[in-house]
């Protein structure tokens, strides 16, 4: 059963890595044209969302942020 499952999941995962549209900061040019990318950036700026690259965090900062978030405990409960 695990072999059959992996035979289905692995090709889908590989396709997802290479075919995923991306983000406005790191777009996949296969799907988004320059006009669509500019439209996406303008929409994000109009709602004051962060359009720059994500801020690199150390692993410990990320773990601390996750465990301090109240949503994790509510969803776990």
Protein backbone atom coordinates (compact mmCIF):
# COMPACT_ATOMS: atom_id res chain seq x y z
CA UNK A 1 0.00 0.00 0.00
CA UNK A 2 2.85 2.41 0.80
CA UNK A 3 4.52 1.65 -2.52
CA UNK A 4 1.36 2.44 -4.46
CA UNK A 5 0.85 5.62 -2.48
CA UNK A 6 4.43 6.77 -3.05
CA UNK A 7 4.15 6.03 -6.77
CA UNK A 8 1.26 8.49 -6.90
CA UNK A 9 2.62 11.14 -4.54
CA UNK A 10 6.23 11.50 -5.75
CA UNK A 11 5.41 12.62 -9.33
CA UNK A 12 2.81 15.06 -8.04
CA UNK A 13 5.31 16.52 -5.55
CA UNK A 14 8.00 16.92 -8.21
CA UNK A 15 5.51 18.58 -10.58
CA UNK A 16 4.40 20.87 -7.76
CA UNK A 17 7.94 22.07 -7.12
CA UNK A 18 8.59 22.97 -10.74
CA UNK A 19 5.13 24.13 -11.78
CA UNK A 20 4.04 26.11 -8.71
CA UNK A 21 3.32 29.73 -9.73
CA UNK A 22 5.46 31.23 -6.97
CA UNK A 23 5.11 34.60 -5.28
CA UNK A 24 5.47 38.17 -6.52
CA UNK A 25 8.90 38.31 -4.89
CA UNK A 26 10.06 35.07 -6.60
CA UNK A 27 7.71 34.38 -9.53
CA UNK A 28 7.68 31.38 -11.83
CA UNK A 29 7.77 32.97 -15.29
CA UNK A 30 6.19 29.87 -16.80
CA UNK A 31 2.79 30.91 -15.46
CA UNK A 32 2.91 34.65 -14.78
CA UNK A 33 3.51 37.23 -17.47
CA UNK A 34 5.12 40.57 -16.64
CA UNK A 35 1.74 42.33 -16.72
CA UNK A 36 0.20 39.78 -14.33
CA UNK A 37 3.19 40.05 -12.02
CA UNK A 38 2.92 43.84 -11.94
CA UNK A 39 -0.83 43.54 -11.21
CA UNK A 40 -0.14 41.16 -8.32
CA UNK A 41 2.47 43.50 -6.82
CA UNK A 42 0.12 46.49 -7.14
CA UNK A 43 -2.70 44.60 -5.42
CA UNK A 44 -0.42 43.59 -2.56
CA UNK A 45 0.80 47.16 -2.15
CA UNK A 46 -2.78 48.49 -2.14
CA UNK A 47 -3.58 46.35 0.91
CA UNK A 48 -0.18 47.17 2.43
CA UNK A 49 1.02 43.55 2.34
CA UNK A 50 4.71 42.75 2.32
CA UNK A 51 5.91 42.38 -1.27
CA UNK A 52 9.61 42.02 -0.50
CA UNK A 53 11.41 38.77 0.04
CA UNK A 54 10.49 37.07 3.28
CA UNK A 55 12.66 37.99 6.21
CA UNK A 56 15.14 35.24 6.89
CA UNK A 57 14.79 33.92 10.40
CA UNK A 58 16.95 31.55 12.27
CA UNK A 59 15.43 28.22 13.15
CA UNK A 60 15.27 29.11 16.85
CA UNK A 61 13.42 32.37 16.13
CA UNK A 62 10.92 30.49 14.01
CA UNK A 63 10.35 27.84 16.69
CA UNK A 64 9.90 30.52 19.37
CA UNK A 65 7.39 32.36 17.21
CA UNK A 66 5.42 29.17 16.59
CA UNK A 67 5.23 28.22 20.26
CA UNK A 68 4.27 31.75 21.34
CA UNK A 69 1.34 31.85 18.92
CA UNK A 70 -1.99 31.25 20.63
CA UNK A 71 -3.53 29.69 17.52
CA UNK A 72 -1.37 26.58 17.85
CA UNK A 73 -2.76 25.84 21.29
CA UNK A 74 -6.36 26.52 20.29
CA UNK A 75 -6.12 24.26 17.25
CA UNK A 76 -4.40 21.56 19.28
CA UNK A 77 -7.10 21.66 21.91
